[in-house]
Amino acid sequence: MKRLPLWLVLVGLGMAACAIPEPPPGGPEDKTPPEVIESFPEDGQAGVPPDGEIVLGFSEKMQQARLERLVSMSPPAKIAKVKWKKNAAAFSFENPLHPDTTYIFELKKGFGDSHGVKSEKSFHFAFATSAHIDTGVIAGRILFRREPTDRGVVRLFVVPRDTVFAPEATRPDREVRTGEDGVYRLRYLPTDGRSFLVWAFHDKNGNMNFEPDEEAGGVLPDTVTLTDAGWKMEEQNISIVDPREPALIAGTIVNNTGVDSLPVVVSLHSYDDTAKTGPAYLTMCDSLGVYEFDDVLMGSYALFGFLDFSGDSLCGGYPCPDDSAKTCDEPCVQRADTLRVSPGDQIQIEDLVLPPAVTDSLP
């Protein structure tokens, strides 16, 4: 049986609905978000005419102005006009779509009905202007600060690219958001042996635009190639390192000085601090000698553990008890190696020992 165009079906439904009396004014407030209930072409449909229209049917009367602002197509296609027939919108394009190409059409969340109620989820579907729709899949998980992120944006690029190619500044061939569990799935990809580069960034403000001063990105170390035999590649995970992510540093200092009236102080001094202004980070050991820093930024540090008799937060000297004109050394130990910290590191320092103190030098 021949299928009627979607817009004609919806017009017929709209005319039939005219015979049904509407609720009187002052009824219950509309709080139901609108939805796309049908599309033409349908999801997965092949053989779509390149010079045709895309039609969406909505669940209710819609706000019609500038709906095209919420439309994203991959590969890109520029919308020329949107025509409305009752609750259906028909999108036409400035130029015919490419032949032998699989497209993904997305209407982003935020489209509103006539009462101003906004949609809470997006709508997307795929169709092909070729005889068969592409079936390739690349999937994985995006981690930010070692945790799955629902603010990941994943972009796919067909390679090779020119020598000045930069994924953060180039229009992608495909783009998807991650789900709540950080999972992404790039679907409907060609399986003809071409290779793809997959790059992702943490979309801090949710605007789908990469802002290098505020956001961090990462890339799969190898390109991905899909073929008819290997049409699906999963576990393609990207861990995004935030250059501003602090590191966690922990360890234990064994206090053998014989003094237990003072806690052991632990300090980190930055080698980048040429002015020697004092410790960059300072903390104290607990009763078991355990210490922890959870906010250390990238850099190179010297680590000290000491009893701070002088109260100056430095591993140094203090007035000797038997002669205040002289200076005695505070019990102190320094980690032999430079501590090199990268963003997001979790470093466990080997145990350090404060040796027994000279009895007559203790306060």
Protein backbone atom coordinates (compact mmCIF):
# COMPACT_ATOMS: atom_id res chain seq x y z
CA MET A 1 0.00 0.00 0.00
CA LYS A 2 1.36 3.41 -0.93
CA ARG A 3 2.38 5.54 2.07
CA LEU A 4 0.85 9.01 2.32
CA PRO A 5 3.22 11.93 3.00
CA LEU A 6 3.53 12.68 6.69
CA TRP A 7 2.30 16.24 6.38
CA LEU A 8 -0.85 15.07 4.55
CA VAL A 9 -1.58 12.52 7.24
CA LEU A 10 -1.15 15.13 9.94
CA VAL A 11 -3.36 17.63 8.10
CA GLY A 12 -6.07 15.01 7.92
CA LEU A 13 -5.73 14.36 11.62
CA GLY A 14 -5.88 18.09 12.27
CA MET A 15 -9.10 18.45 10.27
CA ALA A 16 -10.67 15.56 12.11
CA ALA A 17 -9.68 17.11 15.40
CA CYS A 18 -11.69 20.23 14.52
CA ALA A 19 -14.89 18.26 15.14
CA ILE A 20 -13.81 17.47 18.71
CA PRO A 21 -14.75 20.19 21.21
CA GLU A 22 -11.78 21.55 23.15
CA PRO A 23 -11.83 21.97 26.94
CA PRO A 24 -13.20 25.34 28.00
CA PRO A 25 -10.74 28.11 28.91
CA GLY A 26 -9.47 28.00 32.46
CA GLY A 27 -8.81 24.24 32.45
CA PRO A 28 -5.75 22.52 33.87
CA GLU A 29 -2.41 24.18 33.15
CA ASP A 30 -0.40 22.53 30.34
CA LYS A 31 2.78 21.12 31.85
CA THR A 32 3.44 18.35 29.33
CA PRO A 33 6.54 18.95 27.17
CA PRO A 34 6.03 18.58 23.41
CA GLU A 35 7.48 15.61 21.56
CA VAL A 36 8.29 14.62 18.00
CA ILE A 37 5.91 11.75 17.30
CA GLU A 38 6.84 11.03 13.69
CA SER A 39 9.40 11.90 11.05
CA PHE A 40 9.79 11.67 7.32
CA PRO A 41 12.10 10.10 6.37
CA GLU A 42 11.81 7.49 9.08
CA ASP A 43 14.79 6.49 11.20
CA GLY A 44 17.03 4.15 9.18
CA GLN A 45 15.33 4.84 5.86
CA ALA A 46 17.48 4.64 2.71
CA GLY A 47 16.93 5.92 -0.82
CA VAL A 48 15.80 9.38 0.31
CA PRO A 49 15.75 11.92 -2.58
CA PRO A 50 18.59 14.46 -2.13
CA ASP A 51 16.28 17.33 -3.13
CA GLY A 52 13.46 16.37 -0.78
CA GLU A 53 12.28 17.84 2.52
CA ILE A 54 12.53 16.60 6.08
CA VAL A 55 9.23 16.67 7.96
CA LEU A 56 8.67 16.41 11.71
CA GLY A 57 5.28 15.81 13.28
CA PHE A 58 4.76 17.12 16.82
CA SER A 59 2.44 15.99 19.57
CA GLU A 60 0.74 19.38 19.88
CA LYS A 61 0.57 22.93 18.56
CA MET A 62 4.04 24.46 18.57
CA GLN A 63 5.92 27.71 18.81
CA GLN A 64 6.97 28.04 15.19
CA ALA A 65 9.44 30.91 15.14
CA ARG A 66 13.08 30.07 14.39
CA LEU A 67 12.84 26.36 15.06
CA GLU A 68 15.76 25.84 12.67
CA ARG A 69 18.13 27.24 15.31
CA LEU A 70 17.74 23.96 17.21
CA VAL A 71 18.50 21.77 14.19
CA SER A 72 21.87 20.09 13.74
CA MET A 73 22.74 17.90 10.76
CA SER A 74 25.75 15.70 10.25
CA PRO A 75 27.25 16.02 7.68
CA PRO A 76 26.25 19.70 7.74
CA ALA A 77 23.40 20.94 5.53
CA LYS A 78 22.06 24.50 5.62
CA ILE A 79 18.31 24.93 6.07
CA ALA A 80 16.70 27.40 3.67
CA LYS A 81 13.12 27.46 4.93
CA VAL A 82 10.72 25.93 7.45
CA LYS A 83 7.07 25.51 6.41
CA TRP A 84 4.33 24.61 8.86
CA LYS A 85 1.15 22.60 8.28
CA LYS A 86 -0.79 22.27 11.51
CA ASN A 87 1.58 20.46 13.90
CA ALA A 88 4.09 19.43 11.23
CA ALA A 89 7.25 21.33 10.19
CA ALA A 90 8.87 20.76 6.78
CA PHE A 91 12.56 21.69 6.41
CA SER A 92 13.97 22.46 2.96
CA PHE A 93 17.66 23.03 2.20
CA GLU A 94 19.61 25.66 0.32
CA ASN A 95 21.30 22.96 -1.77
CA PRO A 96 20.43 19.33 -2.49
CA LEU A 97 21.86 16.84 -0.03
CA HIS A 98 24.91 14.84 -1.05
CA PRO A 99 24.15 11.60 -2.89
CA ASP A 100 25.27 8.27 -1.43
CA THR A 101 25.51 9.78 2.06
CA THR A 102 24.11 8.84 5.45
CA TYR A 103 22.83 11.83 7.43
CA ILE A 104 21.93 12.29 11.07
CA PHE A 105 19.26 14.89 11.84
CA GLU A 106 18.93 16.21 15.39
CA LEU A 107 16.41 18.60 16.89
CA LYS A 108 17.97 19.75 20.14
CA LYS A 109 15.95 19.95 23.32
CA GLY A 110 14.29 23.27 24.10
CA PHE A 111 11.63 23.39 21.38
CA GLY A 112 8.40 24.70 22.88
CA ASP A 113 4.68 24.25 22.48
CA SER A 114 2.17 27.07 22.09
CA HIS A 115 1.90 27.41 25.89
CA GLY A 116 5.65 27.90 26.29
CA VAL A 117 6.39 24.45 27.73
CA LYS A 118 9.85 23.38 26.55
CA SER A 119 10.96 19.91 25.53
CA GLU A 120 13.26 18.10 27.94
CA LYS A 121 15.00 15.83 25.45
CA SER A 122 16.29 16.03 21.92
CA PHE A 123 15.09 14.03 18.92
CA HIS A 124 17.35 12.52 16.29
CA PHE A 125 17.19 10.02 13.48
CA ALA A 126 19.32 8.81 10.56
CA PHE A 127 18.55 8.40 6.86
CA ALA A 128 20.52 7.83 3.68
CA THR A 129 20.41 9.27 0.17
CA SER A 130 22.06 6.04 -0.99
CA ALA A 131 20.44 2.65 -1.47
CA HIS A 132 21.76 1.42 1.89
CA ILE A 133 22.32 3.21 5.18
CA ASP A 134 25.77 3.04 6.80
CA THR A 135 25.96 0.72 9.81
CA GLY A 136 29.36 1.39 11.41
CA VAL A 137 29.60 2.06 15.15
CA ILE A 138 32.32 3.55 17.35
CA ALA A 139 31.51 3.59 21.05
CA GLY A 140 33.19 4.08 24.41
CA ARG A 141 33.26 6.17 27.53
CA ILE A 142 34.54 9.67 28.25
CA LEU A 143 36.22 10.27 31.62
CA PHE A 144 36.98 13.66 33.10
CA ARG A 145 39.11 13.82 36.23
CA ARG A 146 38.99 9.99 36.17
CA GLU A 147 35.17 9.92 36.46
CA PRO A 148 32.53 9.36 33.74
CA THR A 149 31.13 12.70 32.61
CA ASP A 150 27.70 13.53 31.24
CA ARG A 151 29.14 16.77 29.85
CA GLY A 152 31.34 15.13 27.25
CA VAL A 153 31.09 16.14 23.60
CA VAL A 154 32.60 13.65 21.14
CA ARG A 155 33.59 14.67 17.63
CA LEU A 156 34.59 12.37 14.77
CA PHE A 157 36.69 13.40 11.77
CA VAL A 158 37.38 11.48 8.58
CA VAL A 159 41.15 11.24 7.91
CA PRO A 160 43.43 12.12 6.25
CA ARG A 161 43.21 15.83 6.92
CA ASP A 162 45.50 18.61 5.79
CA THR A 163 48.68 19.40 7.70
CA VAL A 164 47.10 22.26 9.67
CA PHE A 165 44.24 20.13 10.96
CA ALA A 166 43.28 20.91 14.57
CA PRO A 167 40.26 18.98 15.93
CA GLU A 168 39.32 21.70 18.41
CA ALA A 169 38.84 24.23 15.59
CA THR A 170 37.52 22.06 12.72
CA ARG A 171 33.92 21.23 11.83
CA PRO A 172 33.39 17.54 12.68
CA ASP A 173 31.87 14.90 10.42
CA ARG A 174 29.92 13.54 13.40
CA GLU A 175 29.20 14.87 16.88
CA VAL A 176 27.42 13.35 19.90
CA ARG A 177 26.99 14.05 23.59
CA THR A 178 27.74 11.56 26.32
CA GLY A 179 25.02 10.06 28.49
CA GLU A 180 24.83 10.24 32.26
CA ASP A 181 27.27 7.33 32.52
CA GLY A 182 29.81 8.99 30.22
CA VAL A 183 29.02 6.60 27.35
CA TYR A 184 29.01 7.82 23.76
CA ARG A 185 27.96 6.01 20.59
CA LEU A 186 28.75 7.24 17.09
CA ARG A 187 26.42 5.39 14.72
CA TYR A 188 25.72 5.15 11.00
CA LEU A 189 29.38 5.40 9.99
CA PRO A 190 30.76 4.16 6.66
CA THR A 191 32.46 0.76 6.70
CA ASP A 192 34.42 1.14 3.49
CA GLY A 193 37.87 1.09 5.12
CA ARG A 194 38.27 4.79 5.74
CA SER A 195 39.81 5.88 9.05
CA PHE A 196 38.47 8.21 11.71
CA LEU A 197 39.96 10.39 14.41
CA VAL A 198 37.90 10.67 17.61
CA TRP A 199 38.33 13.72 19.85
CA ALA A 200 36.35 14.77 22.90
CA PHE A 201 36.13 17.68 25.30
CA HIS A 202 34.49 18.40 28.63
CA ASP A 203 31.69 20.87 27.85
CA LYS A 204 31.78 22.79 31.13
CA ASN A 205 29.04 25.29 30.26
CA GLY A 206 26.96 22.99 28.06
CA ASN A 207 27.00 25.14 24.93
CA MET A 208 28.58 22.49 22.64
CA ASN A 209 31.43 24.88 21.78
CA PHE A 210 35.02 24.15 22.80
CA GLU A 211 36.53 27.01 24.80
CA PRO A 212 40.24 26.26 25.28
CA ASP A 213 40.74 28.76 28.11
CA GLU A 214 38.09 27.04 30.22
CA GLU A 215 37.70 23.50 28.91
CA ALA A 216 39.95 20.49 28.38
CA GLY A 217 39.99 17.93 25.59
CA GLY A 218 41.55 14.61 24.68
CA VAL A 219 41.92 12.33 21.67
CA LEU A 220 42.10 8.61 20.98
CA PRO A 221 45.80 7.84 20.48
CA ASP A 222 45.11 5.84 17.30
CA THR A 223 42.75 6.32 14.40
CA VAL A 224 39.84 3.88 14.05
CA THR A 225 39.13 2.04 10.80
CA LEU A 226 35.77 0.39 10.05
CA THR A 227 35.18 -2.31 7.45
CA ASP A 228 32.27 -4.60 6.59
CA ALA A 229 33.94 -7.32 8.67
CA GLY A 230 34.88 -4.96 11.51
CA TRP A 231 31.93 -2.60 11.50
CA LYS A 232 31.80 -2.02 15.26
CA MET A 233 34.58 -0.72 17.54
CA GLU A 234 33.74 -0.49 21.24
CA GLU A 235 35.71 0.39 24.38
CA GLN A 236 37.17 3.39 22.58
CA ASN A 237 37.61 5.33 25.81
CA ILE A 238 39.08 8.81 26.23
CA SER A 239 40.35 10.10 29.57
CA ILE A 240 40.42 13.89 29.51
CA VAL A 241 43.14 15.41 31.67
CA ASP A 242 42.25 18.79 33.12
CA PRO A 243 45.44 20.89 33.33
CA ARG A 244 43.90 22.65 36.31
CA GLU A 245 43.05 19.43 38.15
CA PRO A 246 44.88 19.26 41.50
CA ALA A 247 46.83 16.21 42.52
CA LEU A 248 46.51 14.15 45.70
CA ILE A 249 49.73 13.41 47.61
CA ALA A 250 49.85 11.24 50.72
CA GLY A 251 52.37 9.50 52.89
CA THR A 252 53.59 8.73 56.40
CA ILE A 253 56.39 10.23 58.49
CA VAL A 254 57.66 8.09 61.36
CA ASN A 255 58.56 10.27 64.34
CA ASN A 256 61.56 8.78 66.16
CA THR A 257 62.63 12.05 67.80
CA GLY A 258 61.20 11.14 71.18
CA VAL A 259 59.02 14.25 71.10
CA ASP A 260 55.30 13.61 70.88
CA SER A 261 54.04 16.94 72.19
CA LEU A 262 54.14 18.50 68.71
CA PRO A 263 52.66 17.15 65.49
CA VAL A 264 54.98 16.57 62.57
CA VAL A 265 54.62 19.35 60.01
CA VAL A 266 54.87 18.52 56.30
CA SER A 267 55.63 21.20 53.72
CA LEU A 268 55.95 21.37 49.95
CA HIS A 269 58.25 24.03 48.50
CA SER A 270 57.93 24.85 44.82
CA TYR A 271 61.10 24.96 42.74
CA ASP A 272 59.29 27.52 40.58
CA ASP A 273 59.21 29.92 43.54
CA THR A 274 62.41 31.80 42.82
CA ALA A 275 61.61 34.37 45.52
CA LYS A 276 61.59 31.62 48.20
CA THR A 277 58.47 33.01 49.83
CA GLY A 278 57.90 29.92 51.95
CA PRO A 279 56.03 26.65 51.60
CA ALA A 280 53.51 26.35 48.76
CA TYR A 281 51.52 23.77 50.77
CA LEU A 282 51.52 22.94 54.46
CA THR A 283 49.81 20.29 56.54
CA MET A 284 50.27 18.21 59.70
CA CYS A 285 50.52 14.51 60.33
CA ASP A 286 47.86 12.82 62.39
CA SER A 287 48.66 10.74 65.47
CA LEU A 288 49.81 7.86 63.25
CA GLY A 289 52.10 10.06 61.20
CA VAL A 290 49.82 10.08 58.14
CA TYR A 291 49.52 13.24 56.03
CA GLU A 292 47.67 14.20 52.85
CA PHE A 293 47.54 17.08 50.37
CA ASP A 294 44.52 17.07 48.05
CA ASP A 295 44.99 20.37 46.21
CA VAL A 296 48.52 20.35 44.75
CA LEU A 297 48.85 21.94 41.31
CA MET A 298 51.24 20.84 38.58
CA GLY A 299 54.89 21.58 39.32
CA SER A 300 58.11 20.40 40.94
CA TYR A 301 58.42 20.38 44.72
CA ALA A 302 60.72 19.62 47.61
CA LEU A 303 59.00 17.79 50.48
CA PHE A 304 60.02 18.27 54.13
CA GLY A 305 58.82 16.78 57.41
CA PHE A 306 59.84 18.48 60.66
CA LEU A 307 58.98 19.51 64.20
CA ASP A 308 58.27 23.22 64.08
CA PHE A 309 59.76 24.40 67.39
CA SER A 310 60.14 27.98 66.11
CA GLY A 311 56.60 28.23 64.74
CA ASP A 312 57.71 29.70 61.42
CA SER A 313 56.41 26.82 59.22
CA LEU A 314 59.95 26.20 57.95
CA CYS A 315 62.36 23.33 58.41
CA GLY A 316 65.16 25.32 60.08
CA GLY A 317 66.45 26.42 63.45
CA TYR A 318 65.27 27.73 66.81
CA PRO A 319 66.98 29.26 69.87
CA CYS A 320 68.86 26.56 71.76
CA PRO A 321 67.38 25.84 75.22
CA ASP A 322 70.73 26.16 77.06
CA ASP A 323 71.90 29.24 75.15
CA SER A 324 69.31 31.37 73.36
CA ALA A 325 72.08 33.18 71.50
CA LYS A 326 72.76 30.01 69.61
CA THR A 327 70.58 28.26 67.03
CA CYS A 328 69.73 24.58 67.19
CA ASP A 329 68.45 22.60 64.24
CA GLU A 330 64.85 21.44 64.27
CA PRO A 331 64.40 17.70 63.68
CA CYS A 332 63.83 17.57 59.93
CA VAL A 333 63.81 15.11 57.04
CA GLN A 334 63.72 15.91 53.32
CA ARG A 335 62.62 13.57 50.57
CA ALA A 336 65.72 12.85 48.53
CA ASP A 337 64.09 13.11 45.10
CA THR A 338 62.24 16.03 43.59
CA LEU A 339 58.49 15.50 43.65
CA ARG A 340 57.16 16.06 40.11
CA VAL A 341 53.41 16.54 39.99
CA SER A 342 51.16 16.32 36.94
CA PRO A 343 47.45 17.22 36.80
CA GLY A 344 45.28 14.69 38.58
CA ASP A 345 48.15 12.60 39.95
CA GLN A 346 47.57 10.40 42.96
CA ILE A 347 50.98 9.95 44.54
CA GLN A 348 51.82 7.81 47.55
CA ILE A 349 55.13 8.92 49.05
CA GLU A 350 57.43 6.34 50.56
CA ASP A 351 57.74 6.46 54.37
CA LEU A 352 60.11 9.07 55.76
CA VAL A 353 61.71 8.93 59.21
CA LEU A 354 62.54 11.73 61.63
CA PRO A 355 65.66 10.39 63.42
CA PRO A 356 66.16 10.53 67.22
CA ALA A 357 66.90 14.06 68.40
CA VAL A 358 69.87 15.16 70.48
CA THR A 359 68.42 15.33 73.99
CA ASP A 360 70.15 18.50 75.15
CA SER A 361 69.01 20.39 72.07
CA LEU A 362 65.31 19.85 72.68
CA PRO A 363 63.25 22.72 74.10
